[in-house]
């Protein structure tokens, strides 16, 4: 129904982010198998011909979800299975030196357990490189309009921040919240502690 109503988040953000100046492409995922294939495909990215250097790669997953899983067509992917799906992004991007940023835009994404699983994997496998940031929608059932507004503000403000400066990222999330749409939360990988630290902007 989302496709019929033209309420798909990906094509809307593709147009908006292109206008902002980001380099964007989208994939329509219709099954668990396609999601696995696309993650594997993305991991093949290389930066050998990019004279501007390796910039962050943001993988934005927009789908329906609940506290236990995400949906792709008839198929569902649990949080445990999600770790298996994105594993190539964390262990096989040998030809790209930029940081990986993962975004999950889905209902009840705040219940995710992916960061816990990523941290456990990173502690047991020294070659495993978890995403530097995971950004999620915080509301239980955010509307299509609210999520598009929030991510539009996010991607507009994000280039002015620094991944090494958590305060600047927190300011971006504060501006998103000030827009009055869906609140976003980040999980930032702390390399020394080998765990994720969480931040949700406070209500003013």
N, C-alpha and C. Protein backbone atom coordinates (compact mmCIF):
# COMPACT_ATOMS: atom_id res chain seq x y z
N UNK A 1 0.82 -1.20 0.00
CA UNK A 1 0.00 0.00 0.00
C UNK A 1 0.85 1.26 0.00
N UNK A 2 2.00 1.21 0.68
CA UNK A 2 2.89 2.38 0.69
C UNK A 2 3.32 2.75 -0.73
N UNK A 3 3.63 1.73 -1.53
CA UNK A 3 4.05 1.98 -2.91
C UNK A 3 2.91 2.56 -3.73
N UNK A 4 1.71 2.01 -3.55
CA UNK A 4 0.56 2.50 -4.30
C UNK A 4 0.22 3.94 -3.92
N UNK A 5 0.41 4.26 -2.65
CA UNK A 5 0.12 5.61 -2.18
C UNK A 5 1.30 6.56 -2.36
N UNK A 6 2.38 6.04 -2.92
CA UNK A 6 3.61 6.81 -3.11
C UNK A 6 4.10 7.42 -1.80
N UNK A 7 4.06 6.58 -0.77
CA UNK A 7 4.52 7.00 0.54
C UNK A 7 5.78 6.24 0.96
N UNK A 8 6.58 5.86 0.00
CA UNK A 8 7.83 5.16 0.29
C UNK A 8 8.90 6.18 0.68
N UNK A 9 9.57 5.93 1.77
CA UNK A 9 10.56 6.88 2.30
C UNK A 9 11.77 7.02 1.39
N UNK A 10 12.24 5.91 0.84
CA UNK A 10 13.49 5.93 0.07
C UNK A 10 13.46 6.87 -1.13
N UNK A 11 12.46 6.76 -2.04
CA UNK A 11 12.47 7.67 -3.20
C UNK A 11 12.32 9.13 -2.81
N UNK A 12 11.57 9.39 -1.73
CA UNK A 12 11.42 10.78 -1.28
C UNK A 12 12.75 11.33 -0.80
N UNK A 13 13.46 10.55 0.01
CA UNK A 13 14.75 11.01 0.52
C UNK A 13 15.82 11.04 -0.57
N UNK A 14 15.70 10.15 -1.55
CA UNK A 14 16.68 10.18 -2.65
C UNK A 14 16.63 11.53 -3.37
N UNK A 15 15.43 12.01 -3.65
CA UNK A 15 15.29 13.30 -4.33
C UNK A 15 15.77 14.45 -3.44
N UNK A 16 15.36 14.42 -2.19
CA UNK A 16 15.73 15.49 -1.26
C UNK A 16 17.23 15.54 -1.05
N UNK A 17 17.84 14.38 -0.79
CA UNK A 17 19.28 14.34 -0.50
C UNK A 17 20.11 14.69 -1.73
N UNK A 18 19.61 14.35 -2.91
CA UNK A 18 20.31 14.74 -4.14
C UNK A 18 20.31 16.25 -4.28
N UNK A 19 19.18 16.89 -3.97
CA UNK A 19 19.11 18.35 -4.02
C UNK A 19 20.03 18.99 -3.00
N UNK A 20 20.17 18.34 -1.84
CA UNK A 20 21.06 18.86 -0.80
C UNK A 20 22.52 18.79 -1.25
N UNK A 21 22.84 17.78 -2.06
CA UNK A 21 24.21 17.64 -2.54
C UNK A 21 24.86 16.31 -2.22
N UNK A 22 24.10 15.38 -1.64
CA UNK A 22 24.62 14.05 -1.34
C UNK A 22 24.61 13.17 -2.60
N UNK A 23 25.50 12.20 -2.62
CA UNK A 23 25.49 11.19 -3.68
C UNK A 23 24.64 10.02 -3.18
N UNK A 24 23.55 9.73 -3.89
CA UNK A 24 22.55 8.82 -3.37
C UNK A 24 22.11 7.80 -4.42
N UNK A 25 21.86 6.60 -3.96
CA UNK A 25 21.16 5.61 -4.78
C UNK A 25 20.25 4.82 -3.88
N UNK A 26 19.22 4.22 -4.43
CA UNK A 26 18.28 3.44 -3.61
C UNK A 26 18.09 2.05 -4.20
N UNK A 27 17.70 1.13 -3.32
CA UNK A 27 17.38 -0.24 -3.72
C UNK A 27 16.02 -0.59 -3.13
N UNK A 28 15.16 -1.18 -3.93
CA UNK A 28 13.87 -1.65 -3.43
C UNK A 28 14.05 -3.09 -2.96
N UNK A 29 13.83 -3.30 -1.69
CA UNK A 29 14.05 -4.62 -1.08
C UNK A 29 12.70 -5.31 -0.88
N UNK A 30 12.51 -6.45 -1.52
CA UNK A 30 11.21 -7.12 -1.47
C UNK A 30 11.24 -8.45 -0.72
N UNK A 31 12.42 -8.83 -0.21
CA UNK A 31 12.51 -10.10 0.51
C UNK A 31 13.78 -10.11 1.36
N UNK A 32 13.85 -11.07 2.26
CA UNK A 32 15.04 -11.24 3.09
C UNK A 32 16.26 -11.52 2.21
N UNK A 33 16.07 -12.36 1.20
CA UNK A 33 17.18 -12.72 0.31
C UNK A 33 17.73 -11.48 -0.41
N UNK A 34 16.83 -10.60 -0.87
CA UNK A 34 17.29 -9.39 -1.54
C UNK A 34 18.06 -8.49 -0.57
N UNK A 35 17.63 -8.42 0.66
CA UNK A 35 18.33 -7.60 1.64
C UNK A 35 19.75 -8.11 1.86
N UNK A 36 19.90 -9.43 1.98
CA UNK A 36 21.23 -10.03 2.12
C UNK A 36 22.10 -9.69 0.90
N UNK A 37 21.52 -9.83 -0.29
CA UNK A 37 22.26 -9.59 -1.52
C UNK A 37 22.71 -8.14 -1.63
N UNK A 38 21.83 -7.21 -1.28
CA UNK A 38 22.17 -5.78 -1.39
C UNK A 38 23.25 -5.39 -0.39
N UNK A 39 23.17 -5.90 0.83
CA UNK A 39 24.22 -5.61 1.82
C UNK A 39 25.58 -6.12 1.32
N UNK A 40 25.58 -7.32 0.75
CA UNK A 40 26.81 -7.88 0.19
C UNK A 40 27.31 -7.01 -0.96
N UNK A 41 26.40 -6.53 -1.80
CA UNK A 41 26.78 -5.67 -2.92
C UNK A 41 27.38 -4.36 -2.43
N UNK A 42 26.77 -3.74 -1.45
CA UNK A 42 27.28 -2.47 -0.92
C UNK A 42 28.69 -2.64 -0.36
N UNK A 43 28.97 -3.79 0.23
CA UNK A 43 30.29 -4.01 0.82
C UNK A 43 31.41 -4.05 -0.21
N UNK A 44 31.06 -4.13 -1.50
CA UNK A 44 32.08 -4.17 -2.55
C UNK A 44 32.56 -2.78 -2.96
N UNK A 45 32.03 -1.73 -2.34
CA UNK A 45 32.41 -0.36 -2.68
C UNK A 45 33.92 -0.15 -2.52
N UNK A 46 34.50 0.66 -3.40
CA UNK A 46 35.92 1.00 -3.26
C UNK A 46 36.09 2.49 -3.52
N UNK A 47 37.22 3.03 -3.06
CA UNK A 47 37.46 4.47 -3.17
C UNK A 47 38.70 4.79 -4.00
N UNK A 48 39.16 3.86 -4.82
CA UNK A 48 40.41 4.06 -5.55
C UNK A 48 40.32 5.18 -6.58
N UNK A 49 39.12 5.47 -7.08
CA UNK A 49 38.97 6.51 -8.10
C UNK A 49 38.34 7.80 -7.54
N UNK A 50 38.20 7.88 -6.21
CA UNK A 50 37.59 9.04 -5.59
C UNK A 50 38.68 10.00 -5.12
N UNK A 51 38.90 11.07 -5.87
CA UNK A 51 39.98 12.01 -5.55
C UNK A 51 39.67 12.80 -4.29
N UNK A 52 38.42 12.80 -3.83
CA UNK A 52 38.05 13.55 -2.64
C UNK A 52 38.30 12.77 -1.36
N UNK A 53 38.76 11.53 -1.49
CA UNK A 53 39.01 10.72 -0.31
C UNK A 53 37.77 9.97 0.13
N UNK A 54 37.97 9.06 1.06
CA UNK A 54 36.89 8.19 1.52
C UNK A 54 36.00 8.92 2.51
N UNK A 55 34.80 9.22 2.07
CA UNK A 55 33.82 9.86 2.96
C UNK A 55 32.94 8.79 3.59
N UNK A 56 32.18 9.14 4.62
CA UNK A 56 31.32 8.13 5.27
C UNK A 56 30.30 7.55 4.30
N UNK A 57 30.03 6.28 4.46
CA UNK A 57 28.96 5.61 3.71
C UNK A 57 27.79 5.43 4.66
N UNK A 58 26.66 5.98 4.28
CA UNK A 58 25.46 5.88 5.11
C UNK A 58 24.49 4.90 4.47
N UNK A 59 24.21 3.81 5.16
CA UNK A 59 23.25 2.82 4.69
C UNK A 59 21.95 3.05 5.46
N UNK A 60 20.95 3.53 4.76
CA UNK A 60 19.67 3.92 5.36
C UNK A 60 18.63 2.86 5.05
N UNK A 61 18.17 2.17 6.08
CA UNK A 61 17.17 1.11 5.92
C UNK A 61 15.82 1.66 6.38
N UNK A 62 14.90 1.80 5.45
CA UNK A 62 13.56 2.31 5.75
C UNK A 62 12.54 1.20 5.50
N UNK A 63 11.86 0.77 6.55
CA UNK A 63 10.93 -0.34 6.41
C UNK A 63 9.94 -0.33 7.57
N UNK A 64 9.03 -1.28 7.56
CA UNK A 64 8.13 -1.46 8.70
C UNK A 64 8.83 -2.35 9.73
N UNK A 65 8.43 -2.20 10.97
CA UNK A 65 9.05 -3.01 12.00
C UNK A 65 8.22 -3.07 13.27
N UNK A 66 8.70 -3.89 14.21
CA UNK A 66 8.13 -3.93 15.55
C UNK A 66 9.27 -4.20 16.52
N UNK A 67 8.95 -4.51 17.76
CA UNK A 67 9.99 -4.66 18.77
C UNK A 67 10.93 -5.82 18.49
N UNK A 68 10.50 -6.77 17.67
CA UNK A 68 11.29 -7.99 17.47
C UNK A 68 11.97 -8.10 16.11
N UNK A 69 11.43 -7.37 15.10
CA UNK A 69 11.93 -7.64 13.76
C UNK A 69 11.58 -6.51 12.79
N UNK A 70 12.19 -6.59 11.62
CA UNK A 70 11.90 -5.68 10.51
C UNK A 70 11.24 -6.48 9.40
N UNK A 71 10.44 -5.82 8.57
CA UNK A 71 9.75 -6.52 7.50
C UNK A 71 10.25 -6.15 6.13
N UNK A 72 10.40 -7.15 5.27
CA UNK A 72 10.79 -6.95 3.87
C UNK A 72 9.86 -7.81 3.01
N UNK A 73 8.79 -7.18 2.49
CA UNK A 73 7.79 -7.95 1.78
C UNK A 73 7.12 -8.93 2.74
N UNK A 74 7.00 -10.19 2.32
CA UNK A 74 6.42 -11.21 3.18
C UNK A 74 7.38 -11.64 4.29
N UNK A 75 8.66 -11.36 4.11
CA UNK A 75 9.68 -11.85 5.03
C UNK A 75 9.91 -10.91 6.20
N UNK A 76 10.39 -11.48 7.29
CA UNK A 76 10.80 -10.68 8.45
C UNK A 76 12.26 -11.01 8.78
N UNK A 77 12.94 -10.02 9.36
CA UNK A 77 14.33 -10.18 9.76
C UNK A 77 14.44 -9.77 11.22
N UNK A 78 14.78 -10.71 12.08
CA UNK A 78 14.94 -10.40 13.50
C UNK A 78 16.20 -9.58 13.71
N UNK A 79 16.32 -9.00 14.90
CA UNK A 79 17.53 -8.21 15.18
C UNK A 79 18.78 -9.08 15.12
N UNK A 80 18.64 -10.34 15.53
CA UNK A 80 19.79 -11.25 15.45
C UNK A 80 20.16 -11.51 14.00
N UNK A 81 19.16 -11.73 13.15
CA UNK A 81 19.40 -11.96 11.73
C UNK A 81 19.94 -10.71 11.04
N UNK A 82 19.55 -9.54 11.55
CA UNK A 82 20.03 -8.29 10.96
C UNK A 82 21.54 -8.19 11.07
N UNK A 83 22.09 -8.66 12.18
CA UNK A 83 23.54 -8.66 12.34
C UNK A 83 24.19 -9.53 11.26
N UNK A 84 23.60 -10.68 10.98
CA UNK A 84 24.13 -11.55 9.93
C UNK A 84 24.07 -10.87 8.57
N UNK A 85 22.98 -10.12 8.33
CA UNK A 85 22.80 -9.48 7.03
C UNK A 85 23.83 -8.39 6.77
N UNK A 86 24.11 -7.57 7.81
CA UNK A 86 25.04 -6.45 7.61
C UNK A 86 26.49 -6.84 7.88
N UNK A 87 26.73 -8.11 8.20
CA UNK A 87 28.09 -8.56 8.51
C UNK A 87 29.10 -8.20 7.42
N UNK A 88 28.76 -8.33 6.12
CA UNK A 88 29.73 -7.94 5.08
C UNK A 88 30.13 -6.47 5.16
N UNK A 89 29.21 -5.60 5.60
CA UNK A 89 29.52 -4.18 5.71
C UNK A 89 30.55 -3.91 6.80
N UNK A 90 30.63 -4.83 7.76
CA UNK A 90 31.53 -4.65 8.90
C UNK A 90 32.83 -5.43 8.77
N UNK A 91 32.88 -6.36 7.84
CA UNK A 91 34.08 -7.20 7.76
C UNK A 91 34.63 -7.37 6.35
N UNK A 92 33.92 -6.87 5.33
CA UNK A 92 34.37 -7.10 3.96
C UNK A 92 34.57 -5.83 3.15
N UNK A 93 34.43 -4.66 3.77
CA UNK A 93 34.65 -3.41 3.03
C UNK A 93 36.15 -3.05 3.05
N UNK A 94 36.95 -3.95 2.52
CA UNK A 94 38.40 -3.79 2.58
C UNK A 94 38.92 -2.69 1.65
N UNK A 95 38.15 -2.37 0.62
CA UNK A 95 38.62 -1.41 -0.38
C UNK A 95 38.06 -0.01 -0.18
N UNK A 96 37.44 0.20 0.97
CA UNK A 96 36.89 1.52 1.27
C UNK A 96 37.29 1.90 2.69
N UNK A 97 37.91 3.07 2.83
CA UNK A 97 38.45 3.47 4.13
C UNK A 97 37.52 4.39 4.90
N UNK A 98 36.41 4.79 4.30
CA UNK A 98 35.46 5.66 4.99
C UNK A 98 34.71 4.93 6.09
N UNK A 99 34.16 5.69 7.02
CA UNK A 99 33.39 5.12 8.11
C UNK A 99 32.01 4.66 7.62
N UNK A 100 31.47 3.67 8.32
CA UNK A 100 30.13 3.17 8.02
C UNK A 100 29.14 3.75 9.02
N UNK A 101 28.05 4.32 8.49
CA UNK A 101 26.95 4.82 9.31
C UNK A 101 25.71 4.04 8.92
N UNK A 102 25.02 3.49 9.92
CA UNK A 102 23.82 2.71 9.66
C UNK A 102 22.61 3.47 10.21
N UNK A 103 21.56 3.54 9.41
CA UNK A 103 20.32 4.20 9.80
C UNK A 103 19.18 3.18 9.71
N UNK A 104 18.37 3.12 10.75
CA UNK A 104 17.18 2.26 10.71
C UNK A 104 15.97 3.13 11.01
N UNK A 105 15.13 3.28 10.01
CA UNK A 105 13.92 4.08 10.12
C UNK A 105 12.73 3.13 10.08
N UNK A 106 12.19 2.81 11.25
CA UNK A 106 11.11 1.84 11.34
C UNK A 106 10.36 2.01 12.65
N UNK A 107 9.12 1.59 12.67
CA UNK A 107 8.35 1.62 13.91
C UNK A 107 9.03 0.73 14.96
N UNK A 108 9.07 1.23 16.18
CA UNK A 108 9.62 0.51 17.33
C UNK A 108 11.10 0.17 17.19
N UNK A 109 11.81 0.94 16.37
CA UNK A 109 13.25 0.71 16.23
C UNK A 109 13.98 0.96 17.54
N UNK A 110 13.35 1.71 18.44
CA UNK A 110 13.98 1.97 19.74
C UNK A 110 14.17 0.70 20.55
N UNK A 111 13.49 -0.37 20.17
CA UNK A 111 13.63 -1.65 20.87
C UNK A 111 14.75 -2.52 20.29
N UNK A 112 15.52 -1.94 19.38
CA UNK A 112 16.56 -2.72 18.71
C UNK A 112 17.56 -3.32 19.71
N UNK A 113 18.09 -4.49 19.36
CA UNK A 113 19.17 -5.11 20.14
C UNK A 113 20.41 -5.27 19.27
N UNK A 114 20.40 -4.64 18.11
CA UNK A 114 21.52 -4.78 17.17
C UNK A 114 22.82 -4.27 17.76
N UNK A 115 22.79 -3.13 18.45
CA UNK A 115 24.03 -2.56 18.99
C UNK A 115 24.67 -3.49 20.02
N UNK A 116 23.85 -4.18 20.81
CA UNK A 116 24.40 -5.13 21.77
C UNK A 116 25.10 -6.27 21.05
N UNK A 117 24.50 -6.75 20.00
CA UNK A 117 25.06 -7.86 19.23
C UNK A 117 26.34 -7.43 18.49
N UNK A 118 26.31 -6.20 17.95
CA UNK A 118 27.51 -5.68 17.29
C UNK A 118 28.67 -5.57 18.26
N UNK A 119 28.40 -5.09 19.45
CA UNK A 119 29.46 -4.93 20.46
C UNK A 119 30.05 -6.28 20.85
N UNK A 120 29.18 -7.27 21.06
CA UNK A 120 29.68 -8.60 21.42
C UNK A 120 30.54 -9.18 20.31
N UNK A 121 30.11 -8.97 19.07
CA UNK A 121 30.88 -9.49 17.94
C UNK A 121 32.23 -8.79 17.84
N UNK A 122 32.25 -7.47 18.04
CA UNK A 122 33.49 -6.71 17.94
C UNK A 122 34.48 -7.11 19.04
N UNK A 123 33.96 -7.43 20.21
CA UNK A 123 34.85 -7.85 21.31
C UNK A 123 35.46 -9.22 21.07
N UNK A 124 34.79 -10.05 20.28
CA UNK A 124 35.28 -11.41 20.04
C UNK A 124 36.05 -11.54 18.72
N UNK A 125 35.93 -10.53 17.84
CA UNK A 125 36.57 -10.58 16.53
C UNK A 125 37.26 -9.25 16.25
N UNK A 126 38.56 -9.22 16.32
CA UNK A 126 39.33 -7.98 16.17
C UNK A 126 39.23 -7.40 14.77
N UNK A 127 38.92 -8.22 13.77
CA UNK A 127 38.82 -7.73 12.40
C UNK A 127 37.44 -7.16 12.08
N UNK A 128 36.50 -7.35 12.98
CA UNK A 128 35.14 -6.88 12.77
C UNK A 128 35.06 -5.40 13.13
N UNK A 129 34.59 -4.57 12.19
CA UNK A 129 34.50 -3.12 12.40
C UNK A 129 33.04 -2.70 12.41
N UNK A 130 32.46 -2.47 13.59
CA UNK A 130 31.05 -2.10 13.65
C UNK A 130 30.81 -0.70 13.11
N UNK A 131 29.58 -0.38 12.74
CA UNK A 131 29.29 0.99 12.29
C UNK A 131 29.69 2.01 13.36
N UNK A 132 30.25 3.12 12.93
CA UNK A 132 30.64 4.15 13.88
C UNK A 132 29.41 4.75 14.56
N UNK A 133 28.34 4.90 13.80
CA UNK A 133 27.09 5.41 14.35
C UNK A 133 25.93 4.57 13.85
N UNK A 134 24.95 4.38 14.72
CA UNK A 134 23.65 3.85 14.33
C UNK A 134 22.63 4.92 14.70
N UNK A 135 21.86 5.38 13.72
CA UNK A 135 20.80 6.35 13.95
C UNK A 135 19.46 5.65 13.77
N UNK A 136 18.52 5.91 14.68
CA UNK A 136 17.21 5.26 14.60
C UNK A 136 16.10 6.27 14.87
N UNK A 137 14.91 5.93 14.40
CA UNK A 137 13.72 6.69 14.79
C UNK A 137 13.32 6.23 16.19
N UNK A 138 12.92 7.19 17.04
CA UNK A 138 12.63 6.86 18.43
C UNK A 138 11.16 6.60 18.68
N UNK A 139 10.26 7.25 17.95
CA UNK A 139 8.82 7.08 18.17
C UNK A 139 8.35 5.67 17.88
N UNK A 140 7.31 5.25 18.58
CA UNK A 140 6.78 3.90 18.38
C UNK A 140 6.20 3.72 16.98
N UNK A 141 5.36 4.66 16.56
CA UNK A 141 4.72 4.56 15.24
C UNK A 141 4.78 5.92 14.53
N UNK A 142 5.96 6.35 14.12
CA UNK A 142 6.08 7.64 13.44
C UNK A 142 5.36 7.63 12.10
N UNK A 143 4.76 8.76 11.75
CA UNK A 143 4.06 8.84 10.47
C UNK A 143 5.06 9.02 9.33
N UNK A 144 4.59 8.75 8.12
CA UNK A 144 5.44 8.92 6.95
C UNK A 144 5.92 10.37 6.84
N UNK A 145 5.01 11.32 7.00
CA UNK A 145 5.38 12.73 6.88
C UNK A 145 6.40 13.13 7.93
N UNK A 146 6.20 12.67 9.17
CA UNK A 146 7.13 13.04 10.25
C UNK A 146 8.53 12.47 10.02
N UNK A 147 8.60 11.23 9.58
CA UNK A 147 9.92 10.64 9.36
C UNK A 147 10.66 11.33 8.22
N UNK A 148 9.94 11.66 7.15
CA UNK A 148 10.58 12.34 6.03
C UNK A 148 11.10 13.72 6.45
N UNK A 149 10.31 14.43 7.25
CA UNK A 149 10.75 15.75 7.73
C UNK A 149 11.99 15.59 8.60
N UNK A 150 11.98 14.64 9.52
CA UNK A 150 13.12 14.44 10.42
C UNK A 150 14.39 14.09 9.67
N UNK A 151 14.28 13.14 8.74
CA UNK A 151 15.48 12.73 8.00
C UNK A 151 15.94 13.82 7.04
N UNK A 152 15.02 14.63 6.54
CA UNK A 152 15.41 15.76 5.69
C UNK A 152 16.26 16.74 6.48
N UNK A 153 15.81 17.09 7.68
CA UNK A 153 16.60 18.00 8.53
C UNK A 153 17.94 17.35 8.88
N UNK A 154 17.90 16.07 9.19
CA UNK A 154 19.12 15.35 9.55
C UNK A 154 20.15 15.41 8.43
N UNK A 155 19.76 15.04 7.23
CA UNK A 155 20.72 15.00 6.12
C UNK A 155 21.12 16.40 5.65
N UNK A 156 20.28 17.39 5.92
CA UNK A 156 20.66 18.77 5.60
C UNK A 156 21.72 19.28 6.58
N UNK A 157 21.59 18.93 7.85
CA UNK A 157 22.49 19.44 8.88
C UNK A 157 23.75 18.58 9.06
N UNK A 158 23.65 17.32 8.71
CA UNK A 158 24.74 16.37 8.98
C UNK A 158 26.09 16.77 8.37
N UNK A 159 26.14 17.30 7.14
CA UNK A 159 27.44 17.67 6.55
C UNK A 159 28.18 18.75 7.33
N UNK A 160 27.47 19.51 8.15
CA UNK A 160 28.11 20.58 8.93
C UNK A 160 28.67 20.09 10.25
N UNK A 161 28.50 18.81 10.53
CA UNK A 161 28.99 18.24 11.79
C UNK A 161 30.25 17.42 11.53
N UNK A 162 30.84 16.95 12.61
CA UNK A 162 32.04 16.11 12.52
C UNK A 162 31.80 14.80 13.25
N UNK A 163 32.11 13.69 12.59
CA UNK A 163 31.91 12.40 13.21
C UNK A 163 32.78 12.22 14.46
N UNK A 164 33.88 12.96 14.51
CA UNK A 164 34.78 12.87 15.67
C UNK A 164 34.35 13.77 16.82
N UNK A 165 33.33 14.58 16.59
CA UNK A 165 32.86 15.52 17.60
C UNK A 165 31.42 15.15 17.96
N UNK A 166 31.24 14.38 19.02
CA UNK A 166 29.90 13.92 19.37
C UNK A 166 28.96 15.07 19.68
N UNK A 167 29.49 16.17 20.20
CA UNK A 167 28.64 17.32 20.50
C UNK A 167 27.99 17.88 19.24
N UNK A 168 28.76 17.89 18.15
CA UNK A 168 28.20 18.42 16.89
C UNK A 168 27.10 17.51 16.35
N UNK A 169 27.25 16.20 16.56
CA UNK A 169 26.21 15.25 16.15
C UNK A 169 24.98 15.42 17.04
N UNK A 170 25.20 15.64 18.31
CA UNK A 170 24.08 15.85 19.23
C UNK A 170 23.31 17.11 18.87
N UNK A 171 24.02 18.13 18.41
CA UNK A 171 23.36 19.37 17.98
C UNK A 171 22.47 19.12 16.76
N UNK A 172 22.93 18.25 15.87
CA UNK A 172 22.11 17.90 14.70
C UNK A 172 20.80 17.26 15.16
N UNK A 173 20.89 16.31 16.09
CA UNK A 173 19.68 15.65 16.58
C UNK A 173 18.77 16.61 17.32
N UNK A 174 19.37 17.59 18.00
CA UNK A 174 18.56 18.60 18.68
C UNK A 174 17.78 19.44 17.68
N UNK A 175 18.41 19.77 16.55
CA UNK A 175 17.73 20.55 15.52
C UNK A 175 16.60 19.73 14.89
N UNK A 176 16.83 18.43 14.73
CA UNK A 176 15.78 17.56 14.21
C UNK A 176 14.58 17.57 15.15
N UNK A 177 14.85 17.44 16.43
CA UNK A 177 13.75 17.44 17.42
C UNK A 177 13.02 18.79 17.42
N UNK A 178 13.77 19.87 17.24
CA UNK A 178 13.16 21.20 17.22
C UNK A 178 12.21 21.38 16.05
N UNK A 179 12.39 20.56 15.01
CA UNK A 179 11.51 20.64 13.84
C UNK A 179 10.11 20.14 14.16
N UNK A 180 9.96 19.46 15.31
CA UNK A 180 8.64 19.02 15.75
C UNK A 180 8.14 17.75 15.12
N UNK A 181 9.01 17.00 14.46
CA UNK A 181 8.60 15.75 13.82
C UNK A 181 9.07 14.56 14.66
N UNK A 182 9.63 13.54 14.04
CA UNK A 182 10.07 12.35 14.75
C UNK A 182 11.44 12.57 15.39
N UNK A 183 11.56 12.22 16.66
CA UNK A 183 12.84 12.33 17.35
C UNK A 183 13.78 11.21 16.91
N UNK A 184 15.05 11.53 16.76
CA UNK A 184 16.05 10.54 16.37
C UNK A 184 17.01 10.29 17.53
N UNK A 185 17.53 9.09 17.59
CA UNK A 185 18.50 8.69 18.61
C UNK A 185 19.74 8.18 17.92
N UNK A 186 20.90 8.43 18.52
CA UNK A 186 22.12 7.82 17.98
C UNK A 186 22.74 6.86 18.98
N UNK A 187 23.46 5.88 18.43
CA UNK A 187 24.34 4.99 19.19
C UNK A 187 25.72 5.17 18.59
N UNK A 188 26.66 5.65 19.38
CA UNK A 188 28.01 5.96 18.90
C UNK A 188 28.99 4.91 19.43
N UNK A 189 29.76 4.31 18.53
CA UNK A 189 30.73 3.28 18.91
C UNK A 189 31.90 3.90 19.64
N UNK A 190 32.17 3.41 20.84
CA UNK A 190 33.30 3.87 21.64
C UNK A 190 34.39 2.80 21.51
N UNK A 191 35.43 3.12 20.75
CA UNK A 191 36.44 2.11 20.42
C UNK A 191 37.18 1.60 21.64
N UNK A 192 37.52 2.49 22.57
CA UNK A 192 38.29 2.07 23.75
C UNK A 192 37.46 1.14 24.65
N UNK A 193 36.20 1.47 24.83
CA UNK A 193 35.33 0.68 25.71
C UNK A 193 34.66 -0.47 24.98
N UNK A 194 34.74 -0.45 23.65
CA UNK A 194 34.12 -1.48 22.80
C UNK A 194 32.63 -1.66 23.14
N UNK A 195 31.94 -0.55 23.13
CA UNK A 195 30.50 -0.56 23.34
C UNK A 195 29.89 0.69 22.72
N UNK A 196 28.58 0.67 22.58
CA UNK A 196 27.89 1.83 22.03
C UNK A 196 27.36 2.72 23.15
N UNK A 197 27.47 4.02 22.93
CA UNK A 197 26.89 4.99 23.84
C UNK A 197 25.69 5.64 23.14
N UNK A 198 24.64 5.82 23.90
CA UNK A 198 23.35 6.25 23.34
C UNK A 198 23.08 7.72 23.67
N UNK A 199 22.44 8.41 22.72
CA UNK A 199 22.03 9.79 22.99
C UNK A 199 20.71 10.09 22.27
N UNK A 200 19.76 10.60 23.07
CA UNK A 200 18.49 11.10 22.54
C UNK A 200 18.35 12.54 23.00
N UNK A 201 18.07 13.48 22.12
CA UNK A 201 17.98 14.88 22.53
C UNK A 201 16.84 15.09 23.54
N UNK A 202 17.10 15.91 24.55
CA UNK A 202 16.10 16.15 25.60
C UNK A 202 15.01 17.10 25.11
N UNK A 203 13.85 16.94 25.68
CA UNK A 203 12.74 17.83 25.38
C UNK A 203 12.99 19.18 26.03
N UNK A 204 12.79 20.28 25.28
CA UNK A 204 12.99 21.62 25.82
C UNK A 204 11.66 22.27 26.15
